[in-house]
Amino acid sequence: MTATPPSSALSEWLAARIQDGTARIAIIGLGYVGLPLALAFSSKGFPVVGIDVDPDKVADLTAGRSYIAHIAAADVQAMAGSGTFEATSEPEGVADADVVILCVPTPLTRHREPDLSFVCDTTRSIAPHLKPGCLVVLESTTYPGTTTGEVKPILEAAGLTSGETLFLAYSPEREDPGNIDHSTGSIPKVVGADGSQALALATALYDRIVPRTVPVSSPDTAEAVKLTENIFRAVNIALVNELKVVFDAMGVDIWEVIDAAKTKPFGFMPFYPGPGLGGHCIPIDPFYLTWKAREYDIATRFIELAGEVNTAMPAYVVDRLARALDRQAARGLNGARILLVGVGYKKNVGDTRESPALKIADLLAGRGADVAFIDPYLHELPSLRHYPHLKGHEVLSWDPPPALDGFDAAVIVTDHDGVDYQALVDRVPVVVDTRNVLARNGITGDGIVRA
């Protein structure tokens, strides 16, 4: 039986393969994080294997088709035709990998507790197939202690030892879907690892695809960095959402206030209100920390208050709509036909994860309204974790222009480009604007309500 080489030899061997671009990269989870990462490594000449449980994604990538609107089909075609890329749904695909990167979901349960089932189940599925000397990197957003406290024991139970026959690291994803100014290859990467050899390898790996790698002292620190970034945003959005409610009661325009305040060249950073938080990070990440903090008998009151403010916004929007219908159309929500404009959680993105449009739709349906959707980035609603009854619901498009005359009101939830907002105001008697898109475009009308 051949003895496993010492960790220093394994580390040097992998470092050389990373440096010369021959290290085989396996990326597990080919969504909004994993697919851009695969493209980034493939564009640098690395052999890449993409692994996803969704066979449709595997089929699309094998055929060179992009299933994410803001990712160019030409880039996916180039990767598929490179001769060094393959896609599979089988965990055995990691068997020949030198580097394995996990980009799987970390959602919340119904009780707002962390759900690490995707991370743990994926780790268990690949652990028996990993070869000695590979680097495993977790990118999924999570609480401090996950990499060393959850992932590491599973890998070591399969016979590998971190720091000896396995190198383990954490590097939080920093994707911002739809952001045309910043992509995977232009955003610095934070890296924390279980030991100095793993840190050197992970740093060298990401140095190949990003302008700067920022090493930190531990995986726990790197995990905390990601939570801090998104908690910062969540808390500040909650602040302006609360100010919106207060200023609205006073007859003051929150959007005008922010535009004026941001002219100050120091001491102020503009954040903007909305109908609630969406996406795979900001509505979820703060609760990962609040849950973990309870282990240390610490109450995260400030973070939890921000969560309460933000999660209350969909109900606020529905209340503003109901009042507008009472006042301007002399009718209630029961039996009203309501059009929700924009289902994706952010501008020019079709991702519906945690979208406030879904909660608003659920609240409206609960009050007897007949709800329809329109979004230029969707044709129908996908499978929804918390709203299974909405799956498959038709989503109207602006091409061709839809019939708008039968709606009692519309709610602009997401300010996508490609929407004829003037036609919306002209043909729907009440339009609730949660994004200030009408004012930004100089559109006025008696039926416009800001919320």
Protein backbone atom coordinates (compact mmCIF):
# COMPACT_ATOMS: atom_id res chain seq x y z
CA MET A 1 0.00 0.00 0.00
CA THR A 2 1.41 3.39 -0.99
CA ALA A 3 1.68 5.91 1.84
CA THR A 4 0.00 9.28 1.41
CA PRO A 5 2.62 12.02 0.85
CA PRO A 6 3.11 14.55 3.67
CA SER A 7 0.92 17.66 3.66
CA SER A 8 3.79 19.88 2.55
CA ALA A 9 4.28 17.77 -0.59
CA LEU A 10 0.54 17.73 -1.31
CA SER A 11 0.36 21.48 -0.79
CA GLU A 12 3.31 22.17 -3.07
CA TRP A 13 1.89 19.89 -5.76
CA LEU A 14 -1.51 21.62 -5.69
CA ALA A 15 0.07 25.08 -5.55
CA ALA A 16 1.99 24.28 -8.73
CA ARG A 17 -1.16 23.11 -10.51
CA ILE A 18 -3.02 26.27 -9.45
CA GLN A 19 -0.15 28.40 -10.66
CA ASP A 20 0.11 26.76 -14.09
CA GLY A 21 -3.66 26.61 -14.56
CA THR A 22 -3.97 22.82 -14.70
CA ALA A 23 -5.79 22.34 -11.37
CA ARG A 24 -9.19 20.75 -12.03
CA ILE A 25 -11.93 22.89 -10.45
CA ALA A 26 -15.24 21.33 -9.38
CA ILE A 27 -18.02 23.81 -8.60
CA ILE A 28 -21.12 22.47 -6.86
CA GLY A 29 -24.26 24.56 -7.31
CA LEU A 30 -24.56 26.34 -10.64
CA GLY A 31 -26.87 29.20 -9.78
CA TYR A 32 -26.24 32.91 -9.46
CA VAL A 33 -22.97 32.26 -7.58
CA GLY A 34 -21.63 29.02 -9.01
CA LEU A 35 -22.15 29.72 -12.70
CA PRO A 36 -20.24 33.06 -12.75
CA LEU A 37 -17.47 31.34 -10.78
CA ALA A 38 -17.30 28.52 -13.32
CA LEU A 39 -17.11 31.05 -16.13
CA ALA A 40 -14.34 32.96 -14.36
CA PHE A 41 -12.14 29.89 -13.90
CA SER A 42 -12.89 28.55 -17.37
CA SER A 43 -11.95 31.89 -18.94
CA LYS A 44 -8.52 31.56 -17.32
CA GLY A 45 -8.02 28.15 -18.91
CA PHE A 46 -8.71 25.95 -15.88
CA PRO A 47 -10.47 22.64 -16.49
CA VAL A 48 -13.86 22.93 -14.80
CA VAL A 49 -16.57 20.45 -13.86
CA GLY A 50 -19.92 21.94 -12.88
CA ILE A 51 -22.18 19.89 -10.62
CA ASP A 52 -25.84 20.63 -9.96
CA VAL A 53 -28.79 18.50 -8.87
CA ASP A 54 -30.98 20.19 -11.49
CA PRO A 55 -30.68 18.16 -14.72
CA ASP A 56 -32.10 21.05 -16.75
CA LYS A 57 -29.14 23.24 -15.78
CA VAL A 58 -26.74 20.46 -16.68
CA ALA A 59 -28.42 20.05 -20.09
CA ASP A 60 -28.38 23.80 -20.74
CA LEU A 61 -24.69 24.17 -19.87
CA THR A 62 -23.70 21.14 -21.92
CA ALA A 63 -25.52 22.71 -24.88
CA GLY A 64 -24.01 26.15 -24.20
CA ARG A 65 -27.24 27.81 -23.12
CA SER A 66 -27.47 30.44 -20.38
CA TYR A 67 -30.42 30.12 -17.99
CA ILE A 68 -29.62 33.34 -16.09
CA ALA A 69 -30.71 36.51 -17.88
CA HIS A 70 -27.74 38.72 -16.99
CA ILE A 71 -25.15 36.06 -17.95
CA ALA A 72 -24.37 36.29 -21.65
CA ALA A 73 -25.13 33.22 -23.75
CA ALA A 74 -21.88 33.80 -25.65
CA ASP A 75 -19.88 33.33 -22.43
CA VAL A 76 -21.64 30.06 -21.65
CA GLN A 77 -21.16 28.89 -25.25
CA ALA A 78 -17.44 29.67 -25.02
CA MET A 79 -17.14 27.65 -21.81
CA ALA A 80 -19.13 24.71 -23.21
CA GLY A 81 -17.01 24.70 -26.35
CA SER A 82 -13.67 25.05 -24.56
CA GLY A 83 -13.08 21.31 -24.41
CA THR A 84 -12.18 21.63 -20.74
CA PHE A 85 -15.67 21.97 -19.25
CA GLU A 86 -18.23 19.36 -18.35
CA ALA A 87 -21.47 19.43 -16.38
CA THR A 88 -23.02 16.63 -14.35
CA SER A 89 -25.57 15.95 -11.65
CA GLU A 90 -23.46 13.23 -10.04
CA PRO A 91 -21.41 13.92 -6.86
CA GLU A 92 -18.81 11.50 -8.21
CA GLY A 93 -17.83 14.34 -10.53
CA VAL A 94 -15.47 15.59 -7.80
CA ALA A 95 -13.35 12.42 -7.94
CA ASP A 96 -10.63 13.93 -10.14
CA ALA A 97 -10.94 17.47 -8.80
CA ASP A 98 -8.01 19.27 -7.22
CA VAL A 99 -10.29 22.03 -5.93
CA VAL A 100 -13.93 21.69 -4.87
CA ILE A 101 -16.02 24.84 -4.31
CA LEU A 102 -19.45 24.61 -2.67
CA CYS A 103 -21.98 27.23 -3.77
CA VAL A 104 -25.19 25.73 -2.40
CA PRO A 105 -28.16 27.53 -0.80
CA THR A 106 -28.30 28.44 2.88
CA PRO A 107 -31.94 29.50 3.40
CA LEU A 108 -33.96 29.96 6.56
CA THR A 109 -36.62 27.64 7.92
CA ARG A 110 -40.17 28.83 8.47
CA HIS A 111 -39.10 29.73 12.01
CA ARG A 112 -36.22 31.89 10.73
CA GLU A 113 -33.53 29.47 11.81
CA PRO A 114 -30.52 28.57 9.63
CA ASP A 115 -31.06 25.67 7.27
CA LEU A 116 -27.66 24.09 6.58
CA SER A 117 -29.14 20.94 5.06
CA PHE A 118 -27.88 21.78 1.57
CA VAL A 119 -24.35 22.37 2.85
CA CYS A 120 -24.23 19.27 5.03
CA ASP A 121 -25.98 16.94 2.58
CA THR A 122 -23.73 18.07 -0.28
CA THR A 123 -20.61 17.63 1.83
CA ARG A 124 -21.70 14.10 2.78
CA SER A 125 -22.37 13.23 -0.85
CA ILE A 126 -18.92 14.28 -2.09
CA ALA A 127 -16.78 13.27 0.91
CA PRO A 128 -16.27 9.62 -0.17
CA HIS A 129 -15.08 10.73 -3.61
CA LEU A 130 -12.49 13.36 -2.67
CA LYS A 131 -8.87 12.58 -3.36
CA PRO A 132 -6.05 13.31 -0.88
CA GLY A 133 -4.57 16.76 -1.20
CA CYS A 134 -7.63 18.53 -2.58
CA LEU A 135 -8.72 22.00 -1.52
CA VAL A 136 -12.35 22.35 -0.43
CA VAL A 137 -13.80 25.86 -0.26
CA LEU A 138 -17.25 26.76 1.07
CA GLU A 139 -18.73 29.94 -0.46
CA SER A 140 -22.29 29.69 0.89
CA THR A 141 -23.25 32.44 3.32
CA THR A 142 -23.41 31.16 6.88
CA TYR A 143 -22.66 31.88 10.53
CA PRO A 144 -19.15 31.78 12.06
CA GLY A 145 -18.14 28.23 12.87
CA THR A 146 -19.83 26.44 9.99
CA THR A 147 -16.71 25.56 7.99
CA THR A 148 -14.79 24.10 10.90
CA GLY A 149 -17.76 22.99 13.00
CA GLU A 150 -20.04 21.45 10.35
CA VAL A 151 -18.17 20.85 7.08
CA LYS A 152 -14.82 19.75 8.54
CA PRO A 153 -16.18 16.90 10.73
CA ILE A 154 -18.15 15.46 7.79
CA LEU A 155 -15.06 15.47 5.56
CA GLU A 156 -12.83 14.01 8.25
CA ALA A 157 -15.35 11.26 8.98
CA ALA A 158 -14.73 10.10 5.40
CA GLY A 159 -11.05 9.56 6.18
CA LEU A 160 -9.38 12.83 5.21
CA THR A 161 -7.68 15.09 7.76
CA SER A 162 -7.77 18.88 7.46
CA GLY A 163 -4.25 20.26 7.27
CA GLU A 164 -2.77 16.89 6.32
CA THR A 165 -4.65 15.15 3.50
CA LEU A 166 -7.27 17.87 2.98
CA PHE A 167 -7.11 21.65 2.76
CA LEU A 168 -10.22 23.52 3.90
CA ALA A 169 -11.17 27.18 3.42
CA TYR A 170 -14.07 29.61 3.38
CA SER A 171 -14.49 32.47 0.91
CA PRO A 172 -17.83 34.32 0.95
CA GLU A 173 -19.51 34.93 -2.37
CA ARG A 174 -19.94 38.59 -3.28
CA GLU A 175 -22.14 38.32 -6.33
CA ASP A 176 -24.54 41.15 -7.17
CA PRO A 177 -26.77 39.83 -9.98
CA GLY A 178 -27.46 42.41 -12.66
CA ASN A 179 -24.71 44.78 -11.54
CA ILE A 180 -23.07 45.88 -14.79
CA ASP A 181 -20.19 47.64 -13.00
CA HIS A 182 -18.99 44.74 -10.86
CA SER A 183 -18.71 41.07 -11.81
CA THR A 184 -16.94 38.06 -10.32
CA GLY A 185 -13.64 38.98 -11.92
CA SER A 186 -13.60 42.55 -10.61
CA ILE A 187 -14.58 42.03 -6.95
CA PRO A 188 -11.91 41.38 -4.25
CA LYS A 189 -12.23 38.01 -2.52
CA VAL A 190 -12.00 37.46 1.25
CA VAL A 191 -10.46 34.13 2.27
CA GLY A 192 -10.12 32.39 5.64
CA ALA A 193 -8.78 28.87 6.04
CA ASP A 194 -8.14 26.01 8.45
CA GLY A 195 -4.36 26.34 8.67
CA SER A 196 -1.62 28.25 6.90
CA GLN A 197 -1.22 25.81 4.00
CA ALA A 198 -4.92 25.93 3.18
CA LEU A 199 -4.87 29.73 3.38
CA ALA A 200 -1.92 29.95 0.98
CA LEU A 201 -3.62 27.61 -1.48
CA ALA A 202 -7.00 29.38 -1.35
CA THR A 203 -5.32 32.76 -1.75
CA ALA A 204 -3.33 31.54 -4.74
CA LEU A 205 -6.49 30.06 -6.26
CA TYR A 206 -8.57 33.23 -6.12
CA ASP A 207 -5.58 35.38 -7.12
CA ARG A 208 -5.97 33.78 -10.54
CA ILE A 209 -9.45 35.23 -11.15
CA VAL A 210 -9.89 38.40 -9.02
CA PRO A 211 -7.91 41.65 -8.74
CA ARG A 212 -7.18 41.20 -5.03
CA THR A 213 -7.49 38.44 -2.46
CA VAL A 214 -7.89 39.48 1.17
CA PRO A 215 -6.68 36.75 3.56
CA VAL A 216 -8.05 36.81 7.11
CA SER A 217 -7.08 34.89 10.23
CA SER A 218 -9.70 32.12 10.18
CA PRO A 219 -12.78 30.73 8.43
CA ASP A 220 -14.86 32.15 11.30
CA THR A 221 -13.63 35.64 10.48
CA ALA A 222 -14.36 35.24 6.78
CA GLU A 223 -17.85 33.97 7.61
CA ALA A 224 -18.38 37.01 9.86
CA VAL A 225 -17.20 39.36 7.10
CA LYS A 226 -19.99 38.24 4.80
CA LEU A 227 -22.65 38.59 7.49
CA THR A 228 -21.34 42.03 8.44
CA GLU A 229 -21.51 43.28 4.85
CA ASN A 230 -25.15 42.29 4.46
CA ILE A 231 -26.26 43.21 7.98
CA PHE A 232 -24.87 46.69 7.31
CA ARG A 233 -27.13 46.96 4.28
CA ALA A 234 -30.16 45.44 6.00
CA VAL A 235 -29.93 47.78 8.99
CA ASN A 236 -29.54 50.89 6.86
CA ILE A 237 -32.40 49.88 4.57
CA ALA A 238 -34.55 49.34 7.66
CA LEU A 239 -33.64 52.83 8.83
CA VAL A 240 -34.82 54.50 5.61
CA ASN A 241 -37.90 52.26 5.50
CA GLU A 242 -38.85 53.47 8.97
CA LEU A 243 -38.11 57.07 8.00
CA LYS A 244 -40.32 56.59 4.94
CA VAL A 245 -43.27 55.67 7.15
CA VAL A 246 -42.63 58.57 9.53
CA PHE A 247 -42.06 61.18 6.84
CA ASP A 248 -45.07 60.01 4.84
CA ALA A 249 -47.27 60.67 7.87
CA MET A 250 -45.77 64.18 8.02
CA GLY A 251 -46.27 64.82 4.32
CA VAL A 252 -42.51 64.79 3.63
CA ASP A 253 -41.08 63.02 0.56
CA ILE A 254 -38.40 60.54 1.72
CA TRP A 255 -36.89 60.39 -1.77
CA GLU A 256 -36.39 64.15 -1.88
CA VAL A 257 -34.87 64.01 1.60
CA ILE A 258 -32.33 61.35 0.57
CA ASP A 259 -31.42 63.13 -2.66
CA ALA A 260 -30.69 66.31 -0.73
CA ALA A 261 -28.86 64.55 2.11
CA LYS A 262 -26.50 62.70 -0.20
CA THR A 263 -25.06 65.99 -1.47
CA LYS A 264 -23.12 66.09 1.81
CA PRO A 265 -19.60 64.87 0.86
CA PHE A 266 -18.96 63.14 4.19
CA GLY A 267 -20.83 61.39 7.00
CA PHE A 268 -23.78 60.19 4.90
CA MET A 269 -24.28 57.19 2.63
CA PRO A 270 -27.55 56.97 0.68
CA PHE A 271 -29.78 53.92 1.11
CA TYR A 272 -33.23 53.73 -0.40
CA PRO A 273 -36.58 52.44 0.89
CA GLY A 274 -38.63 49.78 -0.81
CA PRO A 275 -41.47 47.27 -0.47
CA GLY A 276 -39.35 44.83 1.54
CA LEU A 277 -36.11 42.94 1.14
CA GLY A 278 -35.46 40.23 -1.43
CA GLY A 279 -32.68 38.03 -2.73
CA HIS A 280 -30.58 35.25 -1.30
CA CYS A 281 -28.58 37.40 1.14
CA ILE A 282 -29.97 40.52 2.81
CA PRO A 283 -33.31 39.11 4.06
CA ILE A 284 -31.58 35.98 5.37
CA ASP A 285 -28.04 36.65 6.55
CA PRO A 286 -28.86 38.78 9.62
CA PHE A 287 -30.89 35.92 11.08
CA TYR A 288 -27.94 33.56 10.76
CA LEU A 289 -26.05 35.77 13.18
CA THR A 290 -28.94 36.37 15.55
CA TRP A 291 -29.47 32.60 15.79
CA LYS A 292 -25.79 31.90 16.43
CA ALA A 293 -25.56 34.72 19.00
CA ARG A 294 -28.09 32.93 21.20
CA GLU A 295 -25.49 30.21 21.77
CA TYR A 296 -23.48 32.86 23.58
CA ASP A 297 -26.49 34.30 25.47
CA ILE A 298 -26.30 37.51 23.47
CA ALA A 299 -29.40 39.31 22.20
CA THR A 300 -28.95 41.05 18.85
CA ARG A 301 -31.71 43.57 19.44
CA PHE A 302 -30.58 46.09 16.83
CA ILE A 303 -30.36 43.50 14.05
CA GLU A 304 -33.66 41.89 15.00
CA LEU A 305 -35.41 45.27 15.06
CA ALA A 306 -34.13 45.98 11.55
CA GLY A 307 -35.52 42.63 10.46
CA GLU A 308 -38.90 43.47 11.94
CA VAL A 309 -39.01 46.81 10.11
CA ASN A 310 -38.06 45.30 6.75
CA THR A 311 -40.40 42.32 6.98
CA ALA A 312 -43.27 44.70 7.80
CA MET A 313 -42.90 46.61 4.52
CA PRO A 314 -45.10 44.35 2.33
CA ALA A 315 -47.98 44.80 4.77
CA TYR A 316 -47.38 48.57 4.72
CA VAL A 317 -47.59 48.55 0.91
CA VAL A 318 -50.85 46.58 0.98
CA ASP A 319 -52.29 48.99 3.54
CA ARG A 320 -51.34 52.01 1.38
CA LEU A 321 -52.96 50.31 -1.61
CA ALA A 322 -56.15 49.60 0.34
CA ARG A 323 -56.38 53.21 1.49
CA ALA A 324 -55.79 54.47 -2.05
CA LEU A 325 -58.58 52.26 -3.41
CA ASP A 326 -60.92 53.45 -0.66
CA ARG A 327 -60.17 57.07 -1.39
CA GLN A 328 -59.74 57.14 -5.16
CA ALA A 329 -61.85 54.24 -6.42
CA ALA A 330 -64.42 53.94 -3.64
CA ARG A 331 -63.89 50.21 -3.30
CA GLY A 332 -62.02 47.73 -1.10
CA LEU A 333 -59.48 45.04 -1.89
CA ASN A 334 -62.03 42.22 -1.89
CA GLY A 335 -62.73 41.39 -5.54
CA ALA A 336 -60.32 44.03 -6.84
CA ARG A 337 -58.04 43.16 -9.76
CA ILE A 338 -54.48 44.08 -8.81
CA LEU A 339 -51.45 43.99 -11.11
CA LEU A 340 -48.06 43.50 -9.46
CA VAL A 341 -45.35 45.02 -11.65
CA GLY A 342 -42.01 43.29 -11.16
CA VAL A 343 -41.66 39.89 -9.51
CA GLY A 344 -37.87 39.63 -9.45
CA TYR A 345 -36.39 40.81 -6.18
CA LYS A 346 -34.26 43.53 -7.80
CA LYS A 347 -34.10 45.66 -10.90
CA ASN A 348 -33.46 43.85 -14.20
CA VAL A 349 -33.12 40.42 -12.58
CA GLY A 350 -35.59 37.54 -12.82
CA ASP A 351 -34.55 35.95 -9.52
CA THR A 352 -37.63 35.60 -7.29
CA ARG A 353 -35.93 34.38 -4.11
CA GLU A 354 -37.47 36.14 -1.08
CA SER A 355 -39.02 38.71 -3.43
CA PRO A 356 -41.39 41.07 -1.61
CA ALA A 357 -43.76 40.70 -4.58
CA LEU A 358 -44.58 37.19 -3.40
CA LYS A 359 -45.48 38.30 0.11
CA ILE A 360 -47.52 41.19 -1.24
CA ALA A 361 -49.37 38.81 -3.55
CA ASP A 362 -50.06 36.46 -0.66
CA LEU A 363 -51.39 39.29 1.51
CA LEU A 364 -53.59 40.62 -1.29
CA ALA A 365 -55.02 37.18 -2.04
CA GLY A 366 -55.76 36.78 1.65
CA ARG A 367 -57.88 39.92 1.48
CA GLY A 368 -59.86 38.69 -1.53
CA ALA A 369 -58.01 40.45 -4.33
CA ASP A 370 -57.47 38.90 -7.76
CA VAL A 371 -53.71 39.23 -8.36
CA ALA A 372 -51.84 39.18 -11.67
CA PHE A 373 -48.11 39.58 -12.35
CA ILE A 374 -46.06 41.26 -15.04
CA ASP A 375 -42.28 41.04 -15.41
CA PRO A 376 -40.10 41.27 -18.54
CA TYR A 377 -37.69 38.68 -17.08
CA LEU A 378 -40.17 35.88 -16.29
CA HIS A 379 -42.84 33.90 -18.11
CA GLU A 380 -44.21 32.02 -15.12
CA LEU A 381 -43.49 31.75 -11.42
CA PRO A 382 -40.98 29.01 -10.53
CA SER A 383 -41.21 26.59 -7.63
CA LEU A 384 -41.36 28.76 -4.51
CA ARG A 385 -40.17 27.51 -1.13
CA HIS A 386 -42.67 29.45 0.99
CA TYR A 387 -45.41 30.05 -1.60
CA PRO A 388 -45.95 26.68 -3.34
CA HIS A 389 -49.48 27.69 -4.33
CA LEU A 390 -48.05 30.35 -6.67
CA LYS A 391 -45.92 27.91 -8.71
CA GLY A 392 -46.69 28.04 -12.41
CA HIS A 393 -48.74 31.24 -12.17
CA GLU A 394 -48.58 33.07 -15.49
CA VAL A 395 -46.48 36.22 -15.62
CA LEU A 396 -47.48 38.75 -18.26
CA SER A 397 -44.92 40.44 -20.49
CA TRP A 398 -44.64 43.85 -22.13
CA ASP A 399 -43.98 42.19 -25.49
CA PRO A 400 -46.67 42.33 -26.75
CA PRO A 401 -48.20 45.03 -24.52
CA PRO A 402 -50.74 43.52 -22.13
CA ALA A 403 -54.35 44.54 -21.71
CA LEU A 404 -54.33 46.87 -18.71
CA ASP A 405 -57.84 48.34 -18.79
CA GLY A 406 -59.43 45.75 -16.49
CA PHE A 407 -57.20 46.37 -13.48
CA ASP A 408 -58.35 48.42 -10.51
CA ALA A 409 -54.81 49.14 -9.36
CA ALA A 410 -51.15 48.33 -10.01
CA VAL A 411 -48.26 48.10 -7.57
CA ILE A 412 -44.75 48.74 -8.85
CA VAL A 413 -42.71 46.34 -6.73
CA THR A 414 -39.55 46.18 -8.85
CA ASP A 415 -38.44 49.01 -11.12
CA HIS A 416 -37.31 46.97 -14.13
CA ASP A 417 -36.24 48.68 -17.32
CA GLY A 418 -38.33 47.78 -20.35
CA VAL A 419 -41.65 48.61 -18.68
CA ASP A 420 -43.96 51.19 -20.20
CA TYR A 421 -44.66 53.09 -16.99
CA GLN A 422 -46.47 55.90 -18.80
CA ALA A 423 -48.97 53.39 -20.25
CA LEU A 424 -49.41 51.93 -16.79
CA VAL A 425 -50.35 55.32 -15.33
CA ASP A 426 -52.54 56.22 -18.30
CA ARG A 427 -54.60 53.01 -18.19
CA VAL A 428 -54.74 51.92 -14.54
CA PRO A 429 -56.66 54.23 -12.18
CA VAL A 430 -54.45 53.67 -9.11
CA VAL A 431 -50.70 53.03 -9.31
CA VAL A 432 -48.74 52.48 -6.09
CA ASP A 433 -45.03 53.19 -6.67
CA THR A 434 -42.72 51.62 -4.10
CA ARG A 435 -39.50 52.48 -5.98
CA ASN A 436 -39.97 56.13 -6.99
CA VAL A 437 -39.54 55.09 -10.62
CA LEU A 438 -42.41 57.28 -11.85
CA ALA A 439 -41.00 60.46 -10.37
CA ARG A 440 -37.52 59.57 -11.66
CA ASN A 441 -39.00 59.36 -15.15
CA GLY A 442 -41.05 62.55 -14.83
CA ILE A 443 -44.36 60.68 -14.93
CA THR A 444 -47.23 62.29 -13.06
CA GLY A 445 -50.90 61.48 -12.56
CA ASP A 446 -53.79 61.80 -10.11
CA GLY A 447 -53.80 58.06 -9.36
CA ILE A 448 -50.15 57.78 -8.32
CA VAL A 449 -49.46 56.84 -4.71
CA ARG A 450 -45.98 56.46 -3.24
CA ALA A 451 -45.45 53.69 -0.69
